[in-house]
Amino acid sequence: MITPEEVKELVIKIRREHGLPITPFEIDEVRYDKEGEKLFIIAHDRTDKSVVIGSSLVIGKLKEELKVKLVSVYTTLDLTLKRMQLEKSLEFAKEHNLNFLIPIIKAEMKFPPRKWPEVKTNKEALIFLTFNADAMIGFSRAFNLKGKVYGVKYSFPKLSYTPLDRPLREVFFPNEEFLNKLASENGIDIVISEFEFPSKVEDSVMINPMRFLRIGYFEVKYLFGESRPAVFNKYDLIDYVVTMVEEGLMEATDGARIIRWGWKRR
């Protein structure tokens, strides 16, 4: 059993060995998933989290020292905000008879670790590909939804989808009015995409799984992989990254890397 004290001692040792400053920090809890060989460190706040991660160097060395497959760091506030969102999502699922989502929501309430049950449903969804395209497809499969997949023309050439002649901004910010109409025309009552809200009901139920379950960019990349768009507007990319970082769904360091990648593209 790995204790917070043991992790704290290791963090100090690693930082000292690599010439990093030793600043006070607190670890509230450590959870170990023996089955998945994953260690979850729950730091007190974001400053403490930064000390444990140490620009990825410290967390990488922790993984080596503890001989685990993955080390993830969260804060007590991260998990509190997640729980608050999940309670709203549970209420939404019950209100709109989305019973197949309830077991996944309840499983996320116990996170970390993540243990999703298999769910059953005969529902169909319209999936509109956005920046986290693989995640939108992955969530739909995890929800056991049969999907019709659409996306902006030329945006994800490696993925199979029906291309639509839509503005490039929709690679990051899908148009809910257009997708609601498209779903209605296809007789589909669930739409999955990266909406700027967790969930909403128009003619269709519209869900952004990342916000609905409060699972951020780093986690979905680990869960489902990553397929970045081939065409996009650089300023839309910045708007998207800033929004994600502001909401706590993306680390600032990841956001900086993504913007750097996008800005180098012709």
Protein backbone atom coordinates (compact mmCIF):
# COMPACT_ATOMS: atom_id res chain seq x y z
CA MET A 1 0.00 0.00 0.00
CA ILE A 2 1.54 3.27 -1.13
CA THR A 3 0.95 6.14 1.30
CA PRO A 4 0.83 9.91 0.74
CA GLU A 5 3.91 10.24 2.96
CA GLU A 6 5.91 7.80 0.78
CA VAL A 7 4.93 9.66 -2.39
CA LYS A 8 5.81 12.99 -0.80
CA GLU A 9 9.27 11.73 0.19
CA LEU A 10 9.87 10.43 -3.34
CA VAL A 11 8.80 13.73 -4.92
CA ILE A 12 11.26 15.64 -2.70
CA LYS A 13 14.04 13.13 -3.51
CA ILE A 14 13.44 13.39 -7.27
CA ARG A 15 13.26 17.18 -7.24
CA ARG A 16 16.47 17.41 -5.20
CA GLU A 17 18.32 14.99 -7.54
CA HIS A 18 17.37 17.03 -10.60
CA GLY A 19 18.09 20.46 -9.15
CA LEU A 20 14.44 21.49 -8.85
CA PRO A 21 13.39 23.82 -6.00
CA ILE A 22 11.96 22.16 -2.90
CA THR A 23 8.76 24.00 -2.08
CA PRO A 24 6.13 23.01 0.51
CA PHE A 25 3.27 20.91 -0.89
CA GLU A 26 0.48 18.69 0.38
CA ILE A 27 -0.91 15.37 -0.84
CA ASP A 28 -4.40 14.65 0.50
CA GLU A 29 -4.78 11.09 -0.74
CA VAL A 30 -3.21 8.33 -2.84
CA ARG A 31 -5.28 5.66 -4.59
CA TYR A 32 -3.78 2.61 -6.28
CA ASP A 33 -5.58 0.56 -8.92
CA LYS A 34 -3.85 -2.80 -8.59
CA GLU A 35 -5.66 -4.31 -11.58
CA GLY A 36 -4.57 -1.55 -13.94
CA GLU A 37 -1.28 -0.79 -12.15
CA LYS A 38 -2.24 2.88 -11.98
CA LEU A 39 -1.47 5.33 -9.21
CA PHE A 40 -3.70 8.33 -8.57
CA ILE A 41 -2.29 11.17 -6.49
CA ILE A 42 -4.77 13.69 -5.10
CA ALA A 43 -2.91 16.88 -4.26
CA HIS A 44 -4.41 19.57 -2.05
CA ASP A 45 -4.57 22.33 -4.69
CA ARG A 46 -3.18 23.27 -8.13
CA THR A 47 0.11 24.59 -6.74
CA ASP A 48 0.70 21.26 -4.97
CA LYS A 49 -0.24 19.44 -8.19
CA SER A 50 2.37 21.42 -10.14
CA VAL A 51 5.07 20.44 -7.63
CA VAL A 52 4.19 16.74 -8.01
CA ILE A 53 4.09 16.88 -11.81
CA GLY A 54 7.31 18.94 -12.04
CA SER A 55 6.97 19.80 -15.77
CA SER A 56 6.37 16.07 -16.42
CA LEU A 57 9.89 15.20 -15.17
CA VAL A 58 8.90 14.41 -11.58
CA ILE A 59 5.78 12.45 -12.50
CA GLY A 60 7.78 10.46 -15.05
CA LYS A 61 10.40 9.55 -12.45
CA LEU A 62 7.67 8.66 -9.96
CA LYS A 63 6.29 6.18 -12.47
CA GLU A 64 9.73 4.57 -12.80
CA GLU A 65 10.44 4.50 -9.06
CA LEU A 66 7.05 3.04 -8.14
CA LYS A 67 7.02 0.61 -11.12
CA VAL A 68 3.48 1.43 -12.22
CA LYS A 69 2.04 1.86 -15.70
CA LEU A 70 0.51 5.26 -15.07
CA VAL A 71 0.67 8.07 -12.53
CA SER A 72 -2.06 10.71 -12.65
CA VAL A 73 -2.36 13.76 -10.43
CA TYR A 74 -5.61 15.49 -9.49
CA THR A 75 -6.56 18.04 -6.88
CA THR A 76 -9.27 17.82 -4.25
CA LEU A 77 -10.96 20.73 -6.06
CA ASP A 78 -10.80 18.85 -9.41
CA LEU A 79 -12.74 15.96 -7.90
CA THR A 80 -15.19 18.24 -6.08
CA LEU A 81 -16.05 20.07 -9.32
CA LYS A 82 -16.36 16.75 -11.12
CA ARG A 83 -18.75 15.44 -8.49
CA MET A 84 -20.91 18.59 -8.76
CA GLN A 85 -21.16 18.18 -12.55
CA LEU A 86 -21.93 14.46 -12.27
CA GLU A 87 -24.81 15.16 -9.89
CA LYS A 88 -26.29 17.52 -12.51
CA SER A 89 -25.70 14.94 -15.25
CA LEU A 90 -27.38 12.21 -13.20
CA GLU A 91 -30.43 14.43 -12.73
CA PHE A 92 -30.46 15.18 -16.49
CA ALA A 93 -30.22 11.48 -17.40
CA LYS A 94 -33.09 10.56 -15.08
CA GLU A 95 -35.26 13.45 -16.30
CA HIS A 96 -34.83 12.54 -19.97
CA ASN A 97 -34.94 8.74 -19.66
CA LEU A 98 -31.28 8.26 -20.58
CA ASN A 99 -31.11 5.28 -18.24
CA PHE A 100 -28.20 3.69 -20.11
CA LEU A 101 -25.98 6.59 -18.99
CA ILE A 102 -26.76 6.26 -15.29
CA PRO A 103 -24.35 3.35 -14.55
CA ILE A 104 -21.47 5.26 -16.22
CA ILE A 105 -22.28 8.47 -14.32
CA LYS A 106 -22.37 6.55 -11.02
CA ALA A 107 -19.08 4.84 -11.87
CA GLU A 108 -17.47 8.23 -12.56
CA MET A 109 -18.61 9.41 -9.14
CA LYS A 110 -16.18 6.84 -7.67
CA PHE A 111 -13.28 8.00 -9.86
CA PRO A 112 -10.37 7.46 -9.50
CA PRO A 113 -9.92 4.74 -10.62
CA ARG A 114 -12.23 4.55 -13.63
CA LYS A 115 -14.31 1.38 -13.87
CA TRP A 116 -17.07 1.70 -16.46
CA PRO A 117 -19.65 -1.07 -16.70
CA GLU A 118 -20.96 -2.29 -20.04
CA VAL A 119 -24.25 -0.61 -20.82
CA LYS A 120 -27.11 -1.66 -23.08
CA THR A 121 -29.29 0.51 -25.26
CA ASN A 122 -30.90 0.36 -28.68
CA LYS A 123 -30.59 4.11 -29.20
CA GLU A 124 -28.85 5.74 -32.15
CA ALA A 125 -26.75 8.91 -32.09
CA LEU A 126 -25.53 11.49 -34.55
CA ILE A 127 -21.82 12.05 -33.91
CA PHE A 128 -20.25 15.26 -35.17
CA LEU A 129 -16.45 15.20 -35.20
CA THR A 130 -14.64 18.06 -33.51
CA PHE A 131 -11.07 18.54 -32.24
CA ASN A 132 -11.31 15.46 -29.99
CA ALA A 133 -12.75 13.38 -32.82
CA ASP A 134 -11.52 10.00 -31.56
CA ALA A 135 -13.03 10.78 -28.16
CA MET A 136 -16.46 11.58 -29.63
CA ILE A 137 -16.45 8.19 -31.39
CA GLY A 138 -14.99 6.47 -28.31
CA PHE A 139 -17.59 7.88 -25.93
CA SER A 140 -20.40 6.84 -28.27
CA ARG A 141 -19.06 3.28 -28.33
CA ALA A 142 -18.70 3.27 -24.54
CA PHE A 143 -22.32 4.43 -24.31
CA ASN A 144 -23.17 1.57 -26.75
CA LEU A 145 -24.82 4.02 -29.15
CA LYS A 146 -25.06 3.13 -32.80
CA GLY A 147 -23.77 6.19 -34.59
CA LYS A 148 -23.99 8.11 -37.83
CA VAL A 149 -20.76 10.06 -38.02
CA TYR A 150 -20.46 13.48 -39.67
CA GLY A 151 -17.77 16.13 -39.79
CA VAL A 152 -16.47 19.18 -41.63
CA LYS A 153 -15.19 18.30 -45.10
CA TYR A 154 -11.46 17.40 -45.20
CA SER A 155 -11.10 17.77 -41.42
CA PHE A 156 -10.26 14.19 -40.44
CA PRO A 157 -9.07 12.31 -43.54
CA LYS A 158 -7.98 9.25 -41.54
CA LEU A 159 -11.43 8.72 -40.02
CA SER A 160 -14.55 7.37 -41.65
CA TYR A 161 -17.40 9.91 -41.68
CA THR A 162 -19.88 11.71 -43.90
CA PRO A 163 -18.26 15.04 -44.91
CA LEU A 164 -20.32 18.22 -44.68
CA ASP A 165 -19.62 21.60 -46.27
CA ARG A 166 -19.56 23.56 -43.02
CA PRO A 167 -17.51 26.51 -41.65
CA LEU A 168 -14.06 25.57 -40.30
CA ARG A 169 -14.97 27.05 -36.91
CA GLU A 170 -17.24 24.04 -36.39
CA VAL A 171 -14.14 21.83 -36.13
CA PHE A 172 -13.96 23.31 -32.61
CA PHE A 173 -17.39 24.82 -31.97
CA PRO A 174 -20.24 22.73 -33.48
CA ASN A 175 -23.40 24.54 -34.52
CA GLU A 176 -26.12 23.14 -32.27
CA GLU A 177 -28.98 24.51 -34.37
CA PHE A 178 -27.65 22.87 -37.55
CA LEU A 179 -26.96 19.54 -35.82
CA ASN A 180 -30.35 19.51 -34.13
CA LYS A 181 -31.99 19.93 -37.54
CA LEU A 182 -29.75 17.29 -39.14
CA ALA A 183 -30.58 14.81 -36.38
CA SER A 184 -34.32 15.47 -36.76
CA GLU A 185 -34.09 14.92 -40.52
CA ASN A 186 -32.43 11.55 -39.86
CA GLY A 187 -34.88 10.52 -37.14
CA ILE A 188 -32.15 10.56 -34.48
CA ASP A 189 -32.81 11.94 -31.00
CA ILE A 190 -29.28 12.04 -29.53
CA VAL A 191 -26.39 14.20 -30.76
CA ILE A 192 -22.81 13.74 -29.52
CA SER A 193 -20.26 16.52 -30.09
CA GLU A 194 -18.07 19.06 -28.28
CA PHE A 195 -20.81 21.51 -27.46
CA GLU A 196 -20.07 24.50 -25.23
CA PHE A 197 -22.44 23.02 -22.62
CA PRO A 198 -22.60 19.59 -20.94
CA SER A 199 -26.11 18.71 -22.11
CA LYS A 200 -29.26 20.27 -23.46
CA VAL A 201 -32.58 19.24 -24.98
CA GLU A 202 -33.90 20.80 -28.16
CA ASP A 203 -35.69 18.47 -30.59
CA SER A 204 -32.78 16.14 -29.79
CA VAL A 205 -30.78 15.43 -26.66
CA MET A 206 -27.41 17.11 -27.18
CA ILE A 207 -24.44 15.92 -25.12
CA ASN A 208 -20.79 16.86 -24.88
CA PRO A 209 -19.42 13.77 -23.07
CA MET A 210 -16.28 15.61 -21.92
CA ARG A 211 -18.29 18.26 -20.09
CA PHE A 212 -21.13 15.89 -19.18
CA LEU A 213 -18.75 13.56 -17.30
CA ARG A 214 -16.13 16.26 -16.73
CA ILE A 215 -13.29 14.30 -18.35
CA GLY A 216 -10.53 16.52 -19.70
CA TYR A 217 -8.29 16.48 -22.75
CA PHE A 218 -5.43 14.50 -21.19
CA GLU A 219 -7.77 11.77 -19.98
CA VAL A 220 -9.68 11.35 -23.24
CA LYS A 221 -6.40 11.22 -25.16
CA TYR A 222 -5.32 8.38 -22.88
CA LEU A 223 -8.71 6.63 -23.12
CA PHE A 224 -9.45 6.95 -26.82
CA GLY A 225 -6.35 8.22 -28.61
CA GLU A 226 -5.99 11.42 -30.59
CA SER A 227 -6.60 12.47 -34.19
CA ARG A 228 -5.99 16.17 -34.76
CA PRO A 229 -7.80 18.00 -37.59
CA ALA A 230 -6.12 18.46 -40.96
CA VAL A 231 -7.87 21.76 -41.68
CA PHE A 232 -8.76 24.51 -39.22
CA ASN A 233 -8.49 28.22 -38.49
CA LYS A 234 -5.60 29.02 -36.13
CA TYR A 235 -7.52 31.71 -34.28
CA ASP A 236 -10.41 29.29 -33.69
CA LEU A 237 -7.86 26.85 -32.26
CA ILE A 238 -6.69 29.51 -29.77
CA ASP A 239 -10.30 30.28 -28.77
CA TYR A 240 -10.91 26.57 -28.21
CA VAL A 241 -7.76 26.01 -26.14
CA VAL A 242 -8.36 29.10 -23.98
CA THR A 243 -11.93 27.94 -23.28
CA MET A 244 -10.81 24.44 -22.35
CA VAL A 245 -8.02 25.67 -20.06
CA GLU A 246 -10.34 28.21 -18.43
CA GLU A 247 -12.87 25.46 -17.63
CA GLY A 248 -10.19 23.15 -16.21
CA LEU A 249 -10.63 20.60 -19.00
CA MET A 250 -7.11 21.08 -20.33
CA GLU A 251 -3.79 21.73 -18.64
CA ALA A 252 -2.11 24.99 -19.66
CA THR A 253 1.01 23.06 -20.72
CA ASP A 254 -1.05 20.86 -23.06
CA GLY A 255 -2.79 23.95 -24.40
CA ALA A 256 0.54 25.63 -25.15
CA ARG A 257 1.78 22.54 -26.99
CA ILE A 258 -1.39 22.36 -29.07
CA ILE A 259 -1.24 26.04 -30.01
CA ARG A 260 2.44 25.65 -30.96
CA TRP A 261 1.55 22.65 -33.14
CA GLY A 262 -1.31 24.55 -34.80
CA TRP A 263 0.70 27.71 -35.38
CA LYS A 264 3.45 25.78 -37.20
CA ARG A 265 0.92 24.35 -39.64
CA ARG A 266 0.66 26.04 -43.03
